[in-house]
Amino acid sequence: MRTHKILLMLAFLLPLMASAAEIPDNLEPLPEPPPPPAGMEGENPEPEVTITKKGEDTVEEYRINGNLYMIKVTPKVGAPYYMTKEDSNAGWARSEGDIAPTVSIPKWVLFRF
């Protein structure tokens, strides 16, 4: 019970102590940050989308920096589905409907013969 009283008193006194702290008079604003280095202008680049028709289906390919990472296939009949890059060795995973984080199965190389 005594600890509760001490904690309660500290909870009321800490804001009073913080407001009583002195603010120095010689504060200056921070300088403007330098521009980003060359090649780093677009940190979050927009994906390049290529839309093609393959028969009755519409295929949208999404690329960032030239790397294909997702394909959206919209068939004439039925719901669209996505093919997302599972790993760097061209493994693709299909997901129906909405893009959701999938469970990534580890694919470590233990031995090579």
N, C-alpha and C. Protein backbone atom coordinates (compact mmCIF):
# COMPACT_ATOMS: atom_id res chain seq x y z
N MET A 1 0.83 -1.19 0.00
CA MET A 1 0.00 0.00 0.00
C MET A 1 0.87 1.25 0.00
N ARG A 2 1.97 1.17 0.71
CA ARG A 2 2.86 2.33 0.81
C ARG A 2 3.50 2.63 -0.55
N THR A 3 3.83 1.58 -1.31
CA THR A 3 4.43 1.79 -2.63
C THR A 3 3.44 2.47 -3.56
N HIS A 4 2.18 2.14 -3.44
CA HIS A 4 1.17 2.78 -4.28
C HIS A 4 1.10 4.28 -4.01
N LYS A 5 1.20 4.66 -2.73
CA LYS A 5 1.15 6.08 -2.38
C LYS A 5 2.37 6.81 -2.94
N ILE A 6 3.53 6.18 -2.86
CA ILE A 6 4.75 6.80 -3.38
C ILE A 6 4.67 6.96 -4.89
N LEU A 7 4.20 5.92 -5.58
CA LEU A 7 4.05 6.00 -7.03
C LEU A 7 3.03 7.05 -7.44
N LEU A 8 1.95 7.14 -6.71
CA LEU A 8 0.93 8.14 -7.01
C LEU A 8 1.48 9.55 -6.81
N MET A 9 2.25 9.75 -5.75
CA MET A 9 2.85 11.06 -5.50
C MET A 9 3.86 11.41 -6.60
N LEU A 10 4.65 10.43 -7.03
CA LEU A 10 5.60 10.67 -8.12
C LEU A 10 4.88 11.00 -9.43
N ALA A 11 3.76 10.35 -9.66
CA ALA A 11 3.00 10.61 -10.88
C ALA A 11 2.49 12.04 -10.92
N PHE A 12 2.17 12.62 -9.76
CA PHE A 12 1.71 14.01 -9.73
C PHE A 12 2.86 14.99 -9.72
N LEU A 13 3.99 14.62 -9.15
CA LEU A 13 5.10 15.56 -9.02
C LEU A 13 5.95 15.64 -10.28
N LEU A 14 6.06 14.57 -11.07
CA LEU A 14 6.91 14.59 -12.25
C LEU A 14 6.49 15.65 -13.28
N PRO A 15 5.21 15.81 -13.60
CA PRO A 15 4.85 16.88 -14.53
C PRO A 15 5.16 18.27 -13.99
N LEU A 16 5.02 18.47 -12.69
CA LEU A 16 5.36 19.77 -12.11
C LEU A 16 6.85 20.04 -12.21
N MET A 17 7.65 19.02 -11.99
CA MET A 17 9.10 19.19 -12.08
C MET A 17 9.52 19.44 -13.53
N ALA A 18 8.86 18.80 -14.48
CA ALA A 18 9.20 18.98 -15.88
C ALA A 18 8.85 20.38 -16.35
N SER A 19 7.73 20.93 -15.87
CA SER A 19 7.34 22.28 -16.28
C SER A 19 8.22 23.33 -15.62
N ALA A 20 8.83 23.01 -14.51
CA ALA A 20 9.70 23.97 -13.83
C ALA A 20 11.10 24.00 -14.42
N ALA A 21 11.43 23.08 -15.33
CA ALA A 21 12.76 23.06 -15.93
C ALA A 21 12.95 24.33 -16.75
N GLU A 22 14.15 24.86 -16.71
CA GLU A 22 14.44 26.11 -17.42
C GLU A 22 14.78 25.83 -18.87
N ILE A 23 14.28 26.67 -19.77
CA ILE A 23 14.58 26.59 -21.19
C ILE A 23 15.64 27.64 -21.48
N PRO A 24 16.77 27.23 -22.08
CA PRO A 24 17.82 28.21 -22.35
C PRO A 24 17.35 29.26 -23.37
N ASP A 25 17.91 30.49 -23.24
CA ASP A 25 17.53 31.59 -24.11
C ASP A 25 18.25 31.58 -25.45
N ASN A 26 19.35 30.84 -25.58
CA ASN A 26 20.16 30.90 -26.79
C ASN A 26 19.86 29.75 -27.75
N LEU A 27 18.62 29.30 -27.85
CA LEU A 27 18.26 28.23 -28.77
C LEU A 27 18.23 28.74 -30.20
N GLU A 28 18.72 27.92 -31.13
CA GLU A 28 18.72 28.26 -32.55
C GLU A 28 18.03 27.14 -33.31
N PRO A 29 17.38 27.47 -34.46
CA PRO A 29 16.76 26.39 -35.24
C PRO A 29 17.81 25.50 -35.88
N LEU A 30 17.43 24.27 -36.15
CA LEU A 30 18.34 23.33 -36.80
C LEU A 30 18.58 23.73 -38.24
N PRO A 31 19.78 23.48 -38.78
CA PRO A 31 20.01 23.81 -40.20
C PRO A 31 19.25 22.84 -41.11
N GLU A 32 19.03 23.27 -42.36
CA GLU A 32 18.35 22.42 -43.33
C GLU A 32 19.20 21.19 -43.62
N PRO A 33 18.57 20.01 -43.79
CA PRO A 33 19.36 18.81 -44.09
C PRO A 33 19.95 18.90 -45.49
N PRO A 34 21.09 18.25 -45.71
CA PRO A 34 21.70 18.28 -47.04
C PRO A 34 20.86 17.46 -48.02
N PRO A 35 21.02 17.73 -49.33
CA PRO A 35 20.26 16.94 -50.31
C PRO A 35 20.74 15.49 -50.32
N PRO A 36 19.88 14.56 -50.77
CA PRO A 36 20.29 13.15 -50.79
C PRO A 36 21.40 12.94 -51.82
N PRO A 37 22.23 11.91 -51.61
CA PRO A 37 23.30 11.64 -52.57
C PRO A 37 22.74 11.24 -53.93
N ALA A 38 23.59 11.31 -54.94
CA ALA A 38 23.17 10.99 -56.30
C ALA A 38 22.70 9.54 -56.38
N GLY A 39 21.59 9.31 -57.06
CA GLY A 39 21.06 7.96 -57.21
C GLY A 39 20.10 7.56 -56.11
N MET A 40 19.94 8.40 -55.09
CA MET A 40 19.05 8.08 -53.97
C MET A 40 17.82 8.97 -53.95
N GLU A 41 17.51 9.66 -55.04
CA GLU A 41 16.39 10.59 -55.04
C GLU A 41 15.07 9.88 -54.79
N GLY A 42 14.85 8.75 -55.46
CA GLY A 42 13.59 8.02 -55.32
C GLY A 42 13.77 6.83 -54.40
N GLU A 43 13.67 7.05 -53.11
CA GLU A 43 13.87 5.94 -52.17
C GLU A 43 12.73 4.93 -52.24
N ASN A 44 11.51 5.40 -52.46
CA ASN A 44 10.36 4.51 -52.62
C ASN A 44 9.85 4.68 -54.05
N PRO A 45 10.50 4.03 -55.00
CA PRO A 45 10.09 4.23 -56.39
C PRO A 45 8.73 3.59 -56.66
N GLU A 46 8.02 4.19 -57.59
CA GLU A 46 6.75 3.63 -58.03
C GLU A 46 7.04 2.41 -58.89
N PRO A 47 6.25 1.36 -58.77
CA PRO A 47 6.49 0.19 -59.62
C PRO A 47 6.11 0.49 -61.07
N GLU A 48 6.85 -0.12 -61.98
CA GLU A 48 6.52 -0.03 -63.40
C GLU A 48 5.52 -1.15 -63.69
N VAL A 49 4.37 -0.80 -64.24
CA VAL A 49 3.32 -1.77 -64.50
C VAL A 49 3.17 -1.94 -66.00
N THR A 50 3.30 -3.18 -66.46
CA THR A 50 3.10 -3.51 -67.87
C THR A 50 1.85 -4.36 -67.99
N ILE A 51 0.87 -3.87 -68.75
CA ILE A 51 -0.40 -4.58 -68.91
C ILE A 51 -0.44 -5.19 -70.30
N THR A 52 -0.65 -6.51 -70.36
CA THR A 52 -0.74 -7.22 -71.64
C THR A 52 -1.98 -8.09 -71.65
N LYS A 53 -2.47 -8.39 -72.83
CA LYS A 53 -3.60 -9.31 -72.99
C LYS A 53 -3.05 -10.61 -73.53
N LYS A 54 -3.32 -11.72 -72.85
CA LYS A 54 -2.94 -13.05 -73.31
C LYS A 54 -4.21 -13.84 -73.49
N GLY A 55 -4.68 -13.88 -74.73
CA GLY A 55 -5.96 -14.55 -75.00
C GLY A 55 -7.08 -13.74 -74.37
N GLU A 56 -7.83 -14.36 -73.48
CA GLU A 56 -8.94 -13.70 -72.79
C GLU A 56 -8.49 -13.06 -71.48
N ASP A 57 -7.27 -13.38 -71.02
CA ASP A 57 -6.79 -12.91 -69.72
C ASP A 57 -6.03 -11.60 -69.85
N THR A 58 -6.08 -10.80 -68.78
CA THR A 58 -5.27 -9.59 -68.68
C THR A 58 -4.16 -9.87 -67.67
N VAL A 59 -2.92 -9.61 -68.07
CA VAL A 59 -1.77 -9.87 -67.20
C VAL A 59 -1.08 -8.54 -66.91
N GLU A 60 -0.92 -8.24 -65.62
CA GLU A 60 -0.22 -7.02 -65.19
C GLU A 60 1.08 -7.45 -64.52
N GLU A 61 2.22 -6.96 -65.02
CA GLU A 61 3.53 -7.28 -64.45
C GLU A 61 4.04 -6.07 -63.69
N TYR A 62 4.42 -6.26 -62.45
CA TYR A 62 4.91 -5.19 -61.60
C TYR A 62 6.42 -5.34 -61.44
N ARG A 63 7.16 -4.27 -61.75
CA ARG A 63 8.62 -4.28 -61.65
C ARG A 63 9.10 -3.06 -60.88
N ILE A 64 10.15 -3.25 -60.11
CA ILE A 64 10.87 -2.14 -59.47
C ILE A 64 12.34 -2.31 -59.84
N ASN A 65 12.92 -1.24 -60.37
CA ASN A 65 14.31 -1.25 -60.85
C ASN A 65 14.55 -2.39 -61.84
N GLY A 66 13.56 -2.70 -62.66
CA GLY A 66 13.70 -3.74 -63.68
C GLY A 66 13.50 -5.15 -63.18
N ASN A 67 13.28 -5.34 -61.88
CA ASN A 67 13.10 -6.68 -61.31
C ASN A 67 11.61 -6.99 -61.18
N LEU A 68 11.17 -8.06 -61.82
CA LEU A 68 9.78 -8.50 -61.74
C LEU A 68 9.55 -9.12 -60.37
N TYR A 69 8.55 -8.57 -59.61
CA TYR A 69 8.30 -9.11 -58.28
C TYR A 69 6.86 -9.59 -58.08
N MET A 70 5.94 -9.20 -59.00
CA MET A 70 4.56 -9.63 -58.83
C MET A 70 3.86 -9.62 -60.18
N ILE A 71 2.95 -10.56 -60.36
CA ILE A 71 2.12 -10.64 -61.56
C ILE A 71 0.68 -10.78 -61.11
N LYS A 72 -0.21 -9.96 -61.70
CA LYS A 72 -1.64 -10.06 -61.41
C LYS A 72 -2.31 -10.56 -62.68
N VAL A 73 -3.03 -11.66 -62.56
CA VAL A 73 -3.73 -12.24 -63.70
C VAL A 73 -5.22 -12.07 -63.46
N THR A 74 -5.89 -11.42 -64.41
CA THR A 74 -7.33 -11.23 -64.33
C THR A 74 -7.97 -12.01 -65.46
N PRO A 75 -8.54 -13.17 -65.16
CA PRO A 75 -9.19 -13.95 -66.23
C PRO A 75 -10.52 -13.31 -66.63
N LYS A 76 -11.02 -13.70 -67.81
CA LYS A 76 -12.30 -13.16 -68.28
C LYS A 76 -13.42 -13.55 -67.33
N VAL A 77 -13.37 -14.79 -66.87
CA VAL A 77 -14.37 -15.28 -65.92
C VAL A 77 -13.64 -15.73 -64.66
N GLY A 78 -14.08 -15.24 -63.52
CA GLY A 78 -13.45 -15.64 -62.27
C GLY A 78 -12.74 -14.48 -61.59
N ALA A 79 -12.24 -14.76 -60.41
CA ALA A 79 -11.57 -13.74 -59.61
C ALA A 79 -10.10 -13.62 -60.03
N PRO A 80 -9.54 -12.41 -59.93
CA PRO A 80 -8.12 -12.27 -60.25
C PRO A 80 -7.26 -12.95 -59.19
N TYR A 81 -6.06 -13.34 -59.59
CA TYR A 81 -5.11 -13.92 -58.64
C TYR A 81 -3.74 -13.31 -58.88
N TYR A 82 -2.88 -13.45 -57.87
CA TYR A 82 -1.56 -12.85 -57.90
C TYR A 82 -0.49 -13.93 -57.84
N MET A 83 0.58 -13.70 -58.56
CA MET A 83 1.78 -14.53 -58.47
C MET A 83 2.86 -13.63 -57.88
N THR A 84 3.33 -13.97 -56.69
CA THR A 84 4.35 -13.15 -56.05
C THR A 84 5.65 -13.92 -55.98
N LYS A 85 6.75 -13.18 -56.05
CA LYS A 85 8.07 -13.79 -56.03
C LYS A 85 8.33 -14.31 -54.62
N GLU A 86 8.60 -15.59 -54.52
CA GLU A 86 8.81 -16.21 -53.22
C GLU A 86 10.27 -16.09 -52.78
N ASP A 87 11.19 -16.25 -53.72
CA ASP A 87 12.61 -16.13 -53.39
C ASP A 87 13.36 -15.64 -54.62
N SER A 88 14.65 -15.43 -54.48
CA SER A 88 15.44 -14.90 -55.58
C SER A 88 15.74 -15.93 -56.66
N ASN A 89 15.44 -17.20 -56.42
CA ASN A 89 15.69 -18.25 -57.41
C ASN A 89 14.47 -18.53 -58.27
N ALA A 90 13.67 -17.50 -58.54
CA ALA A 90 12.50 -17.57 -59.41
C ALA A 90 11.41 -18.49 -58.88
N GLY A 91 11.29 -18.63 -57.59
CA GLY A 91 10.18 -19.37 -57.00
C GLY A 91 8.98 -18.45 -56.89
N TRP A 92 7.84 -18.88 -57.41
CA TRP A 92 6.63 -18.07 -57.41
C TRP A 92 5.56 -18.74 -56.57
N ALA A 93 4.77 -17.90 -55.87
CA ALA A 93 3.66 -18.41 -55.06
C ALA A 93 2.38 -17.76 -55.54
N ARG A 94 1.33 -18.55 -55.63
CA ARG A 94 0.04 -18.02 -56.09
C ARG A 94 -0.82 -17.70 -54.88
N SER A 95 -1.46 -16.52 -54.91
CA SER A 95 -2.40 -16.16 -53.85
C SER A 95 -3.69 -15.70 -54.50
N GLU A 96 -4.79 -16.13 -53.96
CA GLU A 96 -6.10 -15.81 -54.51
C GLU A 96 -6.59 -14.49 -53.92
N GLY A 97 -7.26 -13.71 -54.75
CA GLY A 97 -7.89 -12.49 -54.27
C GLY A 97 -6.90 -11.46 -53.79
N ASP A 98 -7.00 -11.11 -52.52
CA ASP A 98 -6.19 -10.05 -51.95
C ASP A 98 -4.76 -10.49 -51.72
N ILE A 99 -3.84 -9.55 -51.79
CA ILE A 99 -2.45 -9.86 -51.49
C ILE A 99 -2.30 -9.87 -49.98
N ALA A 100 -1.89 -10.98 -49.45
CA ALA A 100 -1.70 -11.12 -48.01
C ALA A 100 -0.32 -11.70 -47.78
N PRO A 101 0.29 -11.35 -46.65
CA PRO A 101 1.59 -11.94 -46.38
C PRO A 101 1.48 -13.45 -46.24
N THR A 102 2.25 -14.15 -47.01
CA THR A 102 2.20 -15.60 -46.97
C THR A 102 3.35 -16.12 -46.11
N VAL A 103 3.22 -17.34 -45.69
CA VAL A 103 4.27 -17.97 -44.92
C VAL A 103 5.39 -18.35 -45.88
N SER A 104 6.56 -17.85 -45.62
CA SER A 104 7.70 -18.14 -46.47
C SER A 104 8.43 -19.35 -45.90
N ILE A 105 8.55 -20.38 -46.70
CA ILE A 105 9.20 -21.60 -46.26
C ILE A 105 10.70 -21.46 -46.50
N PRO A 106 11.53 -21.68 -45.48
CA PRO A 106 12.97 -21.58 -45.68
C PRO A 106 13.47 -22.59 -46.69
N LYS A 107 14.33 -22.15 -47.58
CA LYS A 107 14.90 -23.04 -48.60
C LYS A 107 16.41 -22.90 -48.59
N TRP A 108 17.03 -23.37 -47.53
CA TRP A 108 18.46 -23.26 -47.40
C TRP A 108 19.17 -24.41 -48.11
N VAL A 109 20.30 -24.11 -48.69
CA VAL A 109 21.11 -25.15 -49.31
C VAL A 109 22.04 -25.67 -48.24
N LEU A 110 21.90 -26.95 -47.91
CA LEU A 110 22.76 -27.55 -46.88
C LEU A 110 23.99 -28.21 -47.52
N PHE A 111 23.77 -28.94 -48.59
CA PHE A 111 24.87 -29.62 -49.27
C PHE A 111 24.69 -29.50 -50.77
N ARG A 112 25.79 -29.38 -51.49
CA ARG A 112 25.78 -29.42 -52.96
C ARG A 112 26.71 -30.53 -53.39
N PHE A 113 26.26 -31.34 -54.33
CA PHE A 113 27.08 -32.45 -54.80
C PHE A 113 27.56 -32.18 -56.21
